[in-house]
């Protein structure tokens, strides 16, 4: 499989994952809308945190996700990529939103991880 095919597989899997999660969220919220994630203030806060305090605390996202991928690979005894890390963290946060859909901190985290996944996918091209 070449790099473009692998990127397309990740992109397709990501789109399917997000679509399923949105459906679950809408169902669990009585048909409500979770697009509060994409409000300008949530987007701006995620960008500010990822590029500022969180990077100072945890290091650059690329370095931190490489570290997480290595640890998870050892624990799971299978290769975990940076994209896998981002998708799993997005999934974790979406699961939390099902319980508390208006939790702004979790909304910001989801947006931050999606932004990071986009960066990873660009680099993997």
PDB file of N, CA and C in Angstrom:
ATOM      1  N   UNK A   1       0.855  -1.173   0.000  1.00  0.00           N
ATOM      2  CA  UNK A   1       0.000   0.000   0.000  1.00  0.00           C
ATOM      3  C   UNK A   1       0.900   1.234   0.000  1.00  0.00           C
ATOM      4  N   UNK A   2       0.643   2.154  -0.940  1.00  0.00           N
ATOM      5  CA  UNK A   2       1.459   3.372  -0.967  1.00  0.00           C
ATOM      6  C   UNK A   2       0.926   4.398   0.025  1.00  0.00           C
ATOM      7  N   UNK A   3       1.668   5.486   0.189  1.00  0.00           N
ATOM      8  CA  UNK A   3       1.320   6.491   1.201  1.00  0.00           C
ATOM      9  C   UNK A   3      -0.036   7.136   0.940  1.00  0.00           C
ATOM     10  N   UNK A   4      -0.342   7.400  -0.329  1.00  0.00           N
ATOM     11  CA  UNK A   4      -1.636   8.025  -0.645  1.00  0.00           C
ATOM     12  C   UNK A   4      -2.791   7.099  -0.305  1.00  0.00           C
ATOM     13  N   UNK A   5      -2.631   5.803  -0.599  1.00  0.00           N
ATOM     14  CA  UNK A   5      -3.691   4.852  -0.270  1.00  0.00           C
ATOM     15  C   UNK A   5      -3.872   4.751   1.240  1.00  0.00           C
ATOM     16  N   UNK A   6      -2.739   4.752   1.966  1.00  0.00           N
ATOM     17  CA  UNK A   6      -2.809   4.676   3.432  1.00  0.00           C
ATOM     18  C   UNK A   6      -3.491   5.923   3.991  1.00  0.00           C
ATOM     19  N   UNK A   7      -3.135   7.102   3.458  1.00  0.00           N
ATOM     20  CA  UNK A   7      -3.772   8.347   3.890  1.00  0.00           C
ATOM     21  C   UNK A   7      -5.274   8.287   3.626  1.00  0.00           C
ATOM     22  N   UNK A   8      -5.657   7.810   2.427  1.00  0.00           N
ATOM     23  CA  UNK A   8      -7.079   7.721   2.089  1.00  0.00           C
ATOM     24  C   UNK A   8      -7.805   6.760   3.019  1.00  0.00           C
ATOM     25  N   UNK A   9      -7.148   5.653   3.405  1.00  0.00           N
ATOM     26  CA  UNK A   9      -7.746   4.715   4.352  1.00  0.00           C
ATOM     27  C   UNK A   9      -7.972   5.385   5.696  1.00  0.00           C
ATOM     28  N   UNK A  10      -6.979   6.133   6.187  1.00  0.00           N
ATOM     29  CA  UNK A  10      -7.129   6.845   7.457  1.00  0.00           C
ATOM     30  C   UNK A  10      -8.248   7.869   7.362  1.00  0.00           C
ATOM     31  N   UNK A  11      -8.251   8.605   6.258  1.00  0.00           N
ATOM     32  CA  UNK A  11      -9.263   9.639   6.081  1.00  0.00           C
ATOM     33  C   UNK A  11     -10.668   9.027   6.045  1.00  0.00           C
ATOM     34  N   UNK A  12     -10.821   7.918   5.331  1.00  0.00           N
ATOM     35  CA  UNK A  12     -12.109   7.242   5.251  1.00  0.00           C
ATOM     36  C   UNK A  12     -12.518   6.727   6.628  1.00  0.00           C
ATOM     37  N   UNK A  13     -11.586   6.084   7.333  1.00  0.00           N
ATOM     38  CA  UNK A  13     -11.883   5.556   8.667  1.00  0.00           C
ATOM     39  C   UNK A  13     -12.270   6.692   9.613  1.00  0.00           C
ATOM     40  N   UNK A  14     -11.550   7.799   9.534  1.00  0.00           N
ATOM     41  CA  UNK A  14     -11.843   8.955  10.376  1.00  0.00           C
ATOM     42  C   UNK A  14     -13.243   9.489  10.083  1.00  0.00           C
ATOM     43  N   UNK A  15     -13.569   9.661   8.789  1.00  0.00           N
ATOM     44  CA  UNK A  15     -14.889  10.166   8.413  1.00  0.00           C
ATOM     45  C   UNK A  15     -16.000   9.246   8.904  1.00  0.00           C
ATOM     46  N   UNK A  16     -15.795   7.930   8.754  1.00  0.00           N
ATOM     47  CA  UNK A  16     -16.794   6.971   9.220  1.00  0.00           C
ATOM     48  C   UNK A  16     -16.942   7.028  10.739  1.00  0.00           C
ATOM     49  N   UNK A  17     -15.809   7.109  11.426  1.00  0.00           N
ATOM     50  CA  UNK A  17     -15.808   7.163  12.889  1.00  0.00           C
ATOM     51  C   UNK A  17     -16.577   8.391  13.370  1.00  0.00           C
ATOM     52  N   UNK A  18     -16.246   9.541  12.827  1.00  0.00           N
ATOM     53  CA  UNK A  18     -16.897  10.788  13.239  1.00  0.00           C
ATOM     54  C   UNK A  18     -18.387  10.738  12.921  1.00  0.00           C
ATOM     55  N   UNK A  19     -18.742  10.219  11.761  1.00  0.00           N
ATOM     56  CA  UNK A  19     -20.152  10.115  11.390  1.00  0.00           C
ATOM     57  C   UNK A  19     -20.916   9.242  12.384  1.00  0.00           C
ATOM     58  N   UNK A  20     -20.339   8.104  12.746  1.00  0.00           N
ATOM     59  CA  UNK A  20     -20.988   7.216  13.715  1.00  0.00           C
ATOM     60  C   UNK A  20     -21.105   7.895  15.074  1.00  0.00           C
ATOM     61  N   UNK A  21     -20.053   8.573  15.506  1.00  0.00           N
ATOM     62  CA  UNK A  21     -20.084   9.234  16.804  1.00  0.00           C
ATOM     63  C   UNK A  21     -21.127  10.346  16.824  1.00  0.00           C
ATOM     64  N   UNK A  22     -21.213  11.101  15.739  1.00  0.00           N
ATOM     65  CA  UNK A  22     -22.227  12.163  15.677  1.00  0.00           C
ATOM     66  C   UNK A  22     -23.627  11.573  15.775  1.00  0.00           C
ATOM     67  N   UNK A  23     -23.849  10.443  15.077  1.00  0.00           N
ATOM     68  CA  UNK A  23     -25.152   9.792  15.137  1.00  0.00           C
ATOM     69  C   UNK A  23     -25.470   9.340  16.550  1.00  0.00           C
ATOM     70  N   UNK A  24     -24.486   8.734  17.215  1.00  0.00           N
ATOM     71  CA  UNK A  24     -24.684   8.297  18.596  1.00  0.00           C
ATOM     72  C   UNK A  24     -24.988   9.473  19.507  1.00  0.00           C
ATOM     73  N   UNK A  25     -24.236  10.552  19.336  1.00  0.00           N
ATOM     74  CA  UNK A  25     -24.445  11.729  20.174  1.00  0.00           C
ATOM     75  C   UNK A  25     -25.837  12.304  19.962  1.00  0.00           C
ATOM     76  N   UNK A  26     -26.245  12.410  18.696  1.00  0.00           N
ATOM     77  CA  UNK A  26     -27.573  12.955  18.420  1.00  0.00           C
ATOM     78  C   UNK A  26     -28.647  12.080  19.049  1.00  0.00           C
ATOM     79  N   UNK A  27     -28.493  10.761  18.914  1.00  0.00           N
ATOM     80  CA  UNK A  27     -29.467   9.826  19.471  1.00  0.00           C
ATOM     81  C   UNK A  27     -29.505   9.955  20.995  1.00  0.00           C
ATOM     82  N   UNK A  28     -28.340   9.932  21.629  1.00  0.00           N
ATOM     83  CA  UNK A  28     -28.268  10.011  23.088  1.00  0.00           C
ATOM     84  C   UNK A  28     -28.762  11.355  23.620  1.00  0.00           C
ATOM     85  N   UNK A  29     -28.685  12.380  22.795  1.00  0.00           N
ATOM     86  CA  UNK A  29     -29.103  13.705  23.235  1.00  0.00           C
ATOM     87  C   UNK A  29     -30.530  14.003  22.784  1.00  0.00           C
ATOM     88  N   UNK A  30     -31.259  12.957  22.430  1.00  0.00           N
ATOM     89  CA  UNK A  30     -32.645  13.156  22.009  1.00  0.00           C
ATOM     90  C   UNK A  30     -32.753  13.903  20.700  1.00  0.00           C
ATOM     91  N   UNK A  31     -31.798  13.683  19.811  1.00  0.00           N
ATOM     92  CA  UNK A  31     -31.824  14.325  18.508  1.00  0.00           C
ATOM     93  C   UNK A  31     -31.195  15.704  18.512  1.00  0.00           C
ATOM     94  N   UNK A  32     -30.594  16.088  19.630  1.00  0.00           N
ATOM     95  CA  UNK A  32     -29.961  17.401  19.731  1.00  0.00           C
ATOM     96  C   UNK A  32     -28.756  17.538  18.814  1.00  0.00           C
ATOM     97  N   UNK A  33     -28.250  18.714  18.746  1.00  0.00           N
ATOM     98  CA  UNK A  33     -27.141  19.021  17.849  1.00  0.00           C
ATOM     99  C   UNK A  33     -25.858  19.194  18.651  1.00  0.00           C
ATOM    100  N   UNK A  34     -24.799  18.512  18.231  1.00  0.00           N
ATOM    101  CA  UNK A  34     -23.509  18.620  18.929  1.00  0.00           C
ATOM    102  C   UNK A  34     -22.568  19.588  18.226  1.00  0.00           C
ATOM    103  N   UNK A  35     -23.070  20.357  17.303  1.00  0.00           N
ATOM    104  CA  UNK A  35     -22.171  21.222  16.560  1.00  0.00           C
ATOM    105  C   UNK A  35     -21.680  22.419  17.353  1.00  0.00           C
ATOM    106  N   UNK A  36     -22.011  22.448  18.622  1.00  0.00           N
ATOM    107  CA  UNK A  36     -21.411  23.442  19.499  1.00  0.00           C
ATOM    108  C   UNK A  36     -19.901  23.307  19.496  1.00  0.00           C
ATOM    109  N   UNK A  37     -19.417  22.115  19.118  1.00  0.00           N
ATOM    110  CA  UNK A  37     -17.977  21.886  19.009  1.00  0.00           C
ATOM    111  C   UNK A  37     -17.329  22.845  18.021  1.00  0.00           C
ATOM    112  N   UNK A  38     -18.093  23.266  17.051  1.00  0.00           N
ATOM    113  CA  UNK A  38     -17.499  24.057  15.975  1.00  0.00           C
ATOM    114  C   UNK A  38     -17.791  25.548  16.109  1.00  0.00           C
ATOM    115  N   UNK A  39     -18.287  25.956  17.257  1.00  0.00           N
ATOM    116  CA  UNK A  39     -18.517  27.381  17.484  1.00  0.00           C
ATOM    117  C   UNK A  39     -17.167  28.096  17.531  1.00  0.00           C
ATOM    118  N   UNK A  40     -17.124  29.325  17.055  1.00  0.00           N
ATOM    119  CA  UNK A  40     -15.860  30.057  17.001  1.00  0.00           C
ATOM    120  C   UNK A  40     -15.120  30.128  18.339  1.00  0.00           C
ATOM    121  N   UNK A  41     -15.830  30.294  19.452  1.00  0.00           N
ATOM    122  CA  UNK A  41     -15.132  30.407  20.734  1.00  0.00           C
ATOM    123  C   UNK A  41     -14.481  29.081  21.130  1.00  0.00           C
ATOM    124  N   UNK A  42     -15.135  27.963  20.825  1.00  0.00           N
ATOM    125  CA  UNK A  42     -14.549  26.654  21.124  1.00  0.00           C
ATOM    126  C   UNK A  42     -13.330  26.431  20.236  1.00  0.00           C
ATOM    127  N   UNK A  43     -13.451  26.778  18.971  1.00  0.00           N
ATOM    128  CA  UNK A  43     -12.324  26.638  18.038  1.00  0.00           C
ATOM    129  C   UNK A  43     -11.133  27.494  18.485  1.00  0.00           C
ATOM    130  N   UNK A  44     -11.408  28.730  18.827  1.00  0.00           N
ATOM    131  CA  UNK A  44     -10.336  29.648  19.230  1.00  0.00           C
ATOM    132  C   UNK A  44      -9.660  29.174  20.516  1.00  0.00           C
ATOM    133  N   UNK A  45     -10.443  28.702  21.467  1.00  0.00           N
ATOM    134  CA  UNK A  45      -9.883  28.219  22.726  1.00  0.00           C
ATOM    135  C   UNK A  45      -8.994  27.010  22.484  1.00  0.00           C
ATOM    136  N   UNK A  46      -9.442  26.076  21.651  1.00  0.00           N
ATOM    137  CA  UNK A  46      -8.640  24.881  21.347  1.00  0.00           C
ATOM    138  C   UNK A  46      -7.316  25.271  20.704  1.00  0.00           C
ATOM    139  N   UNK A  47      -7.375  26.173  19.748  1.00  0.00           N
ATOM    140  CA  UNK A  47      -6.148  26.622  19.063  1.00  0.00           C
ATOM    141  C   UNK A  47      -5.191  27.268  20.058  1.00  0.00           C
ATOM    142  N   UNK A  48      -5.727  28.127  20.890  1.00  0.00           N
ATOM    143  CA  UNK A  48      -4.913  28.834  21.873  1.00  0.00           C
ATOM    144  C   UNK A  48      -4.245  27.858  22.851  1.00  0.00           C
ATOM    145  N   UNK A  49      -5.007  26.881  23.335  1.00  0.00           N
ATOM    146  CA  UNK A  49      -4.459  25.909  24.295  1.00  0.00           C
ATOM    147  C   UNK A  49      -3.410  25.004  23.665  1.00  0.00           C
ATOM    148  N   UNK A  50      -3.719  24.498  22.474  1.00  0.00           N
ATOM    149  CA  UNK A  50      -2.798  23.569  21.808  1.00  0.00           C
ATOM    150  C   UNK A  50      -1.477  24.261  21.484  1.00  0.00           C
ATOM    151  N   UNK A  51      -1.559  25.502  21.074  1.00  0.00           N
ATOM    152  CA  UNK A  51      -0.348  26.216  20.683  1.00  0.00           C
ATOM    153  C   UNK A  51       0.343  26.912  21.854  1.00  0.00           C
ATOM    154  N   UNK A  52      -0.275  26.899  23.024  1.00  0.00           N
ATOM    155  CA  UNK A  52       0.293  27.614  24.162  1.00  0.00           C
ATOM    156  C   UNK A  52       0.537  26.733  25.359  1.00  0.00           C
ATOM    157  N   UNK A  53      -0.321  26.852  26.392  1.00  0.00           N
ATOM    158  CA  UNK A  53      -0.088  26.170  27.662  1.00  0.00           C
ATOM    159  C   UNK A  53       0.066  24.650  27.555  1.00  0.00           C
ATOM    160  N   UNK A  54      -0.742  24.017  26.743  1.00  0.00           N
ATOM    161  CA  UNK A  54      -0.644  22.546  26.657  1.00  0.00           C
ATOM    162  C   UNK A  54       0.667  22.125  26.020  1.00  0.00           C
ATOM    163  N   UNK A  55       1.127  22.896  25.051  1.00  0.00           N
ATOM    164  CA  UNK A  55       2.409  22.564  24.423  1.00  0.00           C
ATOM    165  C   UNK A  55       3.556  22.749  25.417  1.00  0.00           C
ATOM    166  N   UNK A  56       3.448  23.781  26.254  1.00  0.00           N
ATOM    167  CA  UNK A  56       4.472  24.001  27.283  1.00  0.00           C
ATOM    168  C   UNK A  56       4.452  22.887  28.319  1.00  0.00           C
ATOM    169  N   UNK A  57       3.268  22.410  28.667  1.00  0.00           N
ATOM    170  CA  UNK A  57       3.129  21.372  29.689  1.00  0.00           C
ATOM    171  C   UNK A  57       3.526  19.993  29.167  1.00  0.00           C
ATOM    172  N   UNK A  58       3.058  19.641  27.958  1.00  0.00           N
ATOM    173  CA  UNK A  58       3.219  18.284  27.443  1.00  0.00           C
ATOM    174  C   UNK A  58       4.227  18.161  26.304  1.00  0.00           C
ATOM    175  N   UNK A  59       4.751  19.281  25.846  1.00  0.00           N
ATOM    176  CA  UNK A  59       5.648  19.256  24.703  1.00  0.00           C
ATOM    177  C   UNK A  59       4.866  19.388  23.409  1.00  0.00           C
ATOM    178  N   UNK A  60       5.586  19.503  22.302  1.00  0.00           N
ATOM    179  CA  UNK A  60       4.906  19.621  21.006  1.00  0.00           C
ATOM    180  C   UNK A  60       4.022  18.402  20.752  1.00  0.00           C
ATOM    181  N   UNK A  61       2.857  18.600  20.153  1.00  0.00           N
ATOM    182  CA  UNK A  61       1.943  17.482  19.916  1.00  0.00           C
ATOM    183  C   UNK A  61       2.595  16.300  19.204  1.00  0.00           C
ATOM    184  N   UNK A  62       3.442  16.571  18.222  1.00  0.00           N
ATOM    185  CA  UNK A  62       4.090  15.480  17.475  1.00  0.00           C
ATOM    186  C   UNK A  62       4.947  14.625  18.399  1.00  0.00           C
ATOM    187  N   UNK A  63       5.725  15.258  19.244  1.00  0.00           N
ATOM    188  CA  UNK A  63       6.599  14.535  20.169  1.00  0.00           C
ATOM    189  C   UNK A  63       5.763  13.752  21.184  1.00  0.00           C
ATOM    190  N   UNK A  64       4.749  14.383  21.731  1.00  0.00           N
ATOM    191  CA  UNK A  64       3.917  13.735  22.730  1.00  0.00           C
ATOM    192  C   UNK A  64       3.150  12.547  22.147  1.00  0.00           C
ATOM    193  N   UNK A  65       2.617  12.708  20.943  1.00  0.00           N
ATOM    194  CA  UNK A  65       1.853  11.600  20.356  1.00  0.00           C
ATOM    195  C   UNK A  65       2.767  10.447  19.952  1.00  0.00           C
ATOM    196  N   UNK A  66       4.006  10.758  19.561  1.00  0.00           N
ATOM    197  CA  UNK A  66       4.973   9.685  19.282  1.00  0.00           C
ATOM    198  C   UNK A  66       5.240   8.892  20.564  1.00  0.00           C
ATOM    199  N   UNK A  67       5.389   9.610  21.660  1.00  0.00           N
ATOM    200  CA  UNK A  67       5.627   8.979  22.964  1.00  0.00           C
ATOM    201  C   UNK A  67       4.426   8.102  23.357  1.00  0.00           C
ATOM    202  N   UNK A  68       3.229   8.644  23.202  1.00  0.00           N
ATOM    203  CA  UNK A  68       2.016   7.892  23.537  1.00  0.00           C
ATOM    204  C   UNK A  68       1.910   6.649  22.652  1.00  0.00           C
ATOM    205  N   UNK A  69       2.171   6.795  21.354  1.00  0.00           N
ATOM    206  CA  UNK A  69       2.082   5.661  20.424  1.00  0.00           C
ATOM    207  C   UNK A  69       3.044   4.545  20.832  1.00  0.00           C
ATOM    208  N   UNK A  70       4.247   4.897  21.236  1.00  0.00           N
ATOM    209  CA  UNK A  70       5.226   3.884  21.668  1.00  0.00           C
ATOM    210  C   UNK A  70       4.743   3.167  22.929  1.00  0.00           C
ATOM    211  N   UNK A  71       4.232   3.922  23.884  1.00  0.00           N
ATOM    212  CA  UNK A  71       3.746   3.311  25.135  1.00  0.00           C
ATOM    213  C   UNK A  71       2.548   2.406  24.854  1.00  0.00           C
ATOM    214  N   UNK A  72       1.579   2.907  24.080  1.00  0.00           N
ATOM    215  CA  UNK A  72       0.397   2.098  23.772  1.00  0.00           C
ATOM    216  C   UNK A  72       0.778   0.865  22.962  1.00  0.00           C
ATOM    217  N   UNK A  73       1.738   1.005  22.053  1.00  0.00           N
ATOM    218  CA  UNK A  73       2.200  -0.143  21.262  1.00  0.00           C
ATOM    219  C   UNK A  73       2.745  -1.233  22.170  1.00  0.00           C
ATOM    220  N   UNK A  74       3.518  -0.829  23.166  1.00  0.00           N
ATOM    221  CA  UNK A  74       4.080  -1.805  24.103  1.00  0.00           C
ATOM    222  C   UNK A  74       2.975  -2.459  24.939  1.00  0.00           C
ATOM    223  N   UNK A  75       2.042  -1.663  25.409  1.00  0.00           N
ATOM    224  CA  UNK A  75       0.955  -2.201  26.236  1.00  0.00           C
ATOM    225  C   UNK A  75       0.064  -3.135  25.424  1.00  0.00           C
ATOM    226  N   UNK A  76      -0.295  -2.718  24.226  1.00  0.00           N
ATOM    227  CA  UNK A  76      -1.236  -3.471  23.404  1.00  0.00           C
ATOM    228  C   UNK A  76      -0.569  -4.565  22.566  1.00  0.00           C
ATOM    229  N   UNK A  77       0.756  -4.544  22.536  1.00  0.00           N
ATOM    230  CA  UNK A  77       1.533  -5.517  21.758  1.00  0.00           C
ATOM    231  C   UNK A  77       1.153  -5.503  20.277  1.00  0.00           C
ATOM    232  N   UNK A  78       0.906  -4.312  19.779  1.00  0.00           N
ATOM    233  CA  UNK A  78       0.625  -4.084  18.365  1.00  0.00           C
ATOM    234  C   UNK A  78       1.019  -2.650  18.041  1.00  0.00           C
ATOM    235  N   UNK A  79       1.347  -2.401  16.793  1.00  0.00           N
ATOM    236  CA  UNK A  79       1.781  -1.056  16.432  1.00  0.00           C
ATOM    237  C   UNK A  79       0.627  -0.060  16.513  1.00  0.00           C
ATOM    238  N   UNK A  80       0.869   1.029  17.201  1.00  0.00           N
ATOM    239  CA  UNK A  80      -0.087   2.132  17.306  1.00  0.00           C
ATOM    240  C   UNK A  80       0.585   3.343  16.674  1.00  0.00           C
ATOM    241  N   UNK A  81      -0.108   3.994  15.757  1.00  0.00           N
ATOM    242  CA  UNK A  81       0.443   5.161  15.068  1.00  0.00           C
ATOM    243  C   UNK A  81      -0.027   6.451  15.739  1.00  0.00           C
ATOM    244  N   UNK A  82       0.564   7.547  15.315  1.00  0.00           N
ATOM    245  CA  UNK A  82       0.127   8.845  15.823  1.00  0.00           C
ATOM    246  C   UNK A  82      -1.330   9.109  15.450  1.00  0.00           C
ATOM    247  N   UNK A  83      -1.740   8.693  14.266  1.00  0.00           N
ATOM    248  CA  UNK A  83      -3.146   8.852  13.867  1.00  0.00           C
ATOM    249  C   UNK A  83      -4.051   8.042  14.776  1.00  0.00           C
ATOM    250  N   UNK A  84      -3.609   6.829  15.117  1.00  0.00           N
ATOM    251  CA  UNK A  84      -4.399   5.997  16.034  1.00  0.00           C
ATOM    252  C   UNK A  84      -4.563   6.687  17.378  1.00  0.00           C
ATOM    253  N   UNK A  85      -3.486   7.281  17.858  1.00  0.00           N
ATOM    254  CA  UNK A  85      -3.532   7.991  19.141  1.00  0.00           C
ATOM    255  C   UNK A  85      -4.564   9.103  19.074  1.00  0.00           C
ATOM    256  N   UNK A  86      -4.492   9.923  18.035  1.00  0.00           N
ATOM    257  CA  UNK A  86      -5.433  11.041  17.902  1.00  0.00           C
ATOM    258  C   UNK A  86      -6.870  10.538  17.815  1.00  0.00           C
ATOM    259  N   UNK A  87      -7.115   9.506  17.006  1.00  0.00           N
ATOM    260  CA  UNK A  87      -8.474   8.974  16.861  1.00  0.00           C
ATOM    261  C   UNK A  87      -8.994   8.397  18.178  1.00  0.00           C
ATOM    262  N   UNK A  88      -8.126   7.698  18.916  1.00  0.00           N
ATOM    263  CA  UNK A  88      -8.560   7.133  20.204  1.00  0.00           C
ATOM    264  C   UNK A  88      -8.867   8.227  21.216  1.00  0.00           C
ATOM    265  N   UNK A  89      -8.059   9.274  21.223  1.00  0.00           N
ATOM    266  CA  UNK A  89      -8.317  10.368  22.162  1.00  0.00           C
ATOM    267  C   UNK A  89      -9.591  11.118  21.786  1.00  0.00           C
ATOM    268  N   UNK A  90      -9.840  11.273  20.489  1.00  0.00           N
ATOM    269  CA  UNK A  90     -11.099  11.878  20.047  1.00  0.00           C
ATOM    270  C   UNK A  90     -12.261  11.001  20.501  1.00  0.00           C
ATOM    271  N   UNK A  91     -12.120   9.689  20.319  1.00  0.00           N
ATOM    272  CA  UNK A  91     -13.170   8.758  20.737  1.00  0.00           C
ATOM    273  C   UNK A  91     -13.442   8.833  22.224  1.00  0.00           C
ATOM    274  N   UNK A  92     -12.378   8.920  23.015  1.00  0.00           N
ATOM    275  CA  UNK A  92     -12.520   9.052  24.468  1.00  0.00           C
ATOM    276  C   UNK A  92     -13.334  10.295  24.810  1.00  0.00           C
ATOM    277  N   UNK A  93     -12.987  11.409  24.202  1.00  0.00           N
ATOM    278  CA  UNK A  93     -13.677  12.665  24.503  1.00  0.00           C
ATOM    279  C   UNK A  93     -15.124  12.644  24.011  1.00  0.00           C
ATOM    280  N   UNK A  94     -15.371  12.008  22.845  1.00  0.00           N
ATOM    281  CA  UNK A  94     -16.750  11.905  22.362  1.00  0.00           C
ATOM    282  C   UNK A  94     -17.586  11.049  23.309  1.00  0.00           C
ATOM    283  N   UNK A  95     -16.990   9.985  23.839  1.00  0.00           N
ATOM    284  CA  UNK A  95     -17.709   9.154  24.811  1.00  0.00           C
ATOM    285  C   UNK A  95     -18.084   9.976  26.043  1.00  0.00           C
ATOM    286  N   UNK A  96     -17.203  10.851  26.464  1.00  0.00           N
ATOM    287  CA  UNK A  96     -17.506  11.714  27.614  1.00  0.00           C
ATOM    288  C   UNK A  96     -18.602  12.718  27.281  1.00  0.00           C
ATOM    289  N   UNK A  97     -18.603  13.198  26.031  1.00  0.00           N
ATOM    290  CA  UNK A  97     -19.643  14.158  25.633  1.00  0.00           C
ATOM    291  C   UNK A  97     -21.029  13.522  25.620  1.00  0.00           C
ATOM    292  N   UNK A  98     -21.089  12.213  25.392  1.00  0.00           N
ATOM    293  CA  UNK A  98     -22.386  11.542  25.427  1.00  0.00           C
ATOM    294  C   UNK A  98     -23.011  11.705  26.807  1.00  0.00           C
ATOM    295  N   UNK A  99     -22.188  11.621  27.835  1.00  0.00           N
ATOM    296  CA  UNK A  99     -22.672  11.775  29.212  1.00  0.00           C
ATOM    297  C   UNK A  99     -22.911  13.247  29.568  1.00  0.00           C
ATOM    298  N   UNK A 100     -22.010  14.103  29.111  1.00  0.00           N
ATOM    299  CA  UNK A 100     -22.076  15.534  29.464  1.00  0.00           C
ATOM    300  C   UNK A 100     -21.876  16.380  28.213  1.00  0.00           C
ATOM    301  N   UNK A 101     -22.886  16.451  27.343  1.00  0.00           N
ATOM    302  CA  UNK A 101     -22.722  17.113  26.052  1.00  0.00           C
ATOM    303  C   UNK A 101     -22.408  18.603  26.110  1.00  0.00           C
ATOM    304  N   UNK A 102     -22.686  19.253  27.195  1.00  0.00           N
ATOM    305  CA  UNK A 102     -22.426  20.696  27.253  1.00  0.00           C
ATOM    306  C   UNK A 102     -21.100  21.028  27.949  1.00  0.00           C
ATOM    307  N   UNK A 103     -20.293  20.008  28.271  1.00  0.00           N
ATOM    308  CA  UNK A 103     -19.017  20.249  28.949  1.00  0.00           C
ATOM    309  C   UNK A 103     -18.035  20.927  27.994  1.00  0.00           C
ATOM    310  N   UNK A 104     -17.811  22.199  28.210  1.00  0.00           N
ATOM    311  CA  UNK A 104     -16.983  23.001  27.317  1.00  0.00           C
ATOM    312  C   UNK A 104     -15.541  22.508  27.264  1.00  0.00           C
ATOM    313  N   UNK A 105     -14.973  22.103  28.385  1.00  0.00           N
ATOM    314  CA  UNK A 105     -13.598  21.612  28.386  1.00  0.00           C
ATOM    315  C   UNK A 105     -13.444  20.414  27.452  1.00  0.00           C
ATOM    316  N   UNK A 106     -14.390  19.502  27.509  1.00  0.00           N
ATOM    317  CA  UNK A 106     -14.318  18.317  26.649  1.00  0.00           C
ATOM    318  C   UNK A 106     -14.528  18.700  25.192  1.00  0.00           C
ATOM    319  N   UNK A 107     -15.429  19.643  24.927  1.00  0.00           N
ATOM    320  CA  UNK A 107     -15.626  20.124  23.558  1.00  0.00           C
ATOM    321  C   UNK A 107     -14.322  20.699  23.005  1.00  0.00           C
ATOM    322  N   UNK A 108     -13.653  21.485  23.818  1.00  0.00           N
ATOM    323  CA  UNK A 108     -12.385  22.090  23.403  1.00  0.00           C
ATOM    324  C   UNK A 108     -11.349  20.999  23.142  1.00  0.00           C
ATOM    325  N   UNK A 109     -11.305  19.978  23.998  1.00  0.00           N
ATOM    326  CA  UNK A 109     -10.361  18.881  23.803  1.00  0.00           C
ATOM    327  C   UNK A 109     -10.602  18.158  22.481  1.00  0.00           C
ATOM    328  N   UNK A 110     -11.878  17.889  22.165  1.00  0.00           N
ATOM    329  CA  UNK A 110     -12.200  17.217  20.900  1.00  0.00           C
ATOM    330  C   UNK A 110     -11.671  18.035  19.729  1.00  0.00           C
ATOM    331  N   UNK A 111     -11.951  19.312  19.740  1.00  0.00           N
ATOM    332  CA  UNK A 111     -11.507  20.182  18.653  1.00  0.00           C
ATOM    333  C   UNK A 111      -9.974  20.188  18.573  1.00  0.00           C
ATOM    334  N   UNK A 112      -9.312  20.248  19.714  1.00  0.00           N
ATOM    335  CA  UNK A 112      -7.849  20.222  19.725  1.00  0.00           C
ATOM    336  C   UNK A 112      -7.301  18.941  19.119  1.00  0.00           C
ATOM    337  N   UNK A 113      -7.885  17.799  19.472  1.00  0.00           N
ATOM    338  CA  UNK A 113      -7.419  16.523  18.919  1.00  0.00           C
ATOM    339  C   UNK A 113      -7.720  16.412  17.430  1.00  0.00           C
ATOM    340  N   UNK A 114      -8.862  16.944  16.985  1.00  0.00           N
ATOM    341  CA  UNK A 114      -9.177  16.930  15.554  1.00  0.00           C
ATOM    342  C   UNK A 114      -8.168  17.795  14.803  1.00  0.00           C
ATOM    343  N   UNK A 115      -7.843  18.956  15.349  1.00  0.00           N
ATOM    344  CA  UNK A 115      -6.833  19.827  14.721  1.00  0.00           C
ATOM    345  C   UNK A 115      -5.502  19.092  14.625  1.00  0.00           C
ATOM    346  N   UNK A 116      -5.148  18.398  15.690  1.00  0.00           N
ATOM    347  CA  UNK A 116      -3.898  17.672  15.686  1.00  0.00           C
ATOM    348  C   UNK A 116      -3.927  16.525  14.675  1.00  0.00           C
ATOM    349  N   UNK A 117      -5.047  15.803  14.592  1.00  0.00           N
ATOM    350  CA  UNK A 117      -5.172  14.719  13.617  1.00  0.00           C
ATOM    351  C   UNK A 117      -4.974  15.265  12.205  1.00  0.00           C
ATOM    352  N   UNK A 118      -5.524  16.426  11.927  1.00  0.00           N
ATOM    353  CA  UNK A 118      -5.344  17.031  10.609  1.00  0.00           C
ATOM    354  C   UNK A 118      -3.868  17.282  10.323  1.00  0.00           C
ATOM    355  N   UNK A 119      -3.125  17.748  11.327  1.00  0.00           N
ATOM    356  CA  UNK A 119      -1.687  17.973  11.152  1.00  0.00           C
ATOM    357  C   UNK A 119      -0.958  16.656  10.871  1.00  0.00           C
ATOM    358  N   UNK A 120      -1.298  15.620  11.616  1.00  0.00           N
ATOM    359  CA  UNK A 120      -0.675  14.310  11.423  1.00  0.00           C
ATOM    360  C   UNK A 120      -0.932  13.807  10.005  1.00  0.00           C
ATOM    361  N   UNK A 121      -2.167  13.880   9.567  1.00  0.00           N
ATOM    362  CA  UNK A 121      -2.525  13.379   8.246  1.00  0.00           C
ATOM    363  C   UNK A 121      -1.811  14.146   7.141  1.00  0.00           C
ATOM    364  N   UNK A 122      -1.614  15.446   7.316  1.00  0.00           N
ATOM    365  CA  UNK A 122      -0.853  16.242   6.338  1.00  0.00           C
ATOM    366  C   UNK A 122       0.579  15.745   6.275  1.00  0.00           C
ATOM    367  N   UNK A 123       1.189  15.468   7.432  1.00  0.00           N
ATOM    368  CA  UNK A 123       2.568  15.001   7.475  1.00  0.00           C
ATOM    369  C   UNK A 123       2.710  13.613   6.892  1.00  0.00           C
ATOM    370  N   UNK A 124       1.673  12.773   7.030  1.00  0.00           N
ATOM    371  CA  UNK A 124       1.735  11.399   6.553  1.00  0.00           C
ATOM    372  C   UNK A 124       1.551  11.297   5.039  1.00  0.00           C
ATOM    373  N   UNK A 125       1.133  12.367   4.398  1.00  0.00           N
ATOM    374  CA  UNK A 125       0.936  12.333   2.938  1.00  0.00           C
ATOM    375  C   UNK A 125       2.236  12.051   2.231  1.00  0.00           C
TER     376      UNK A 125
END
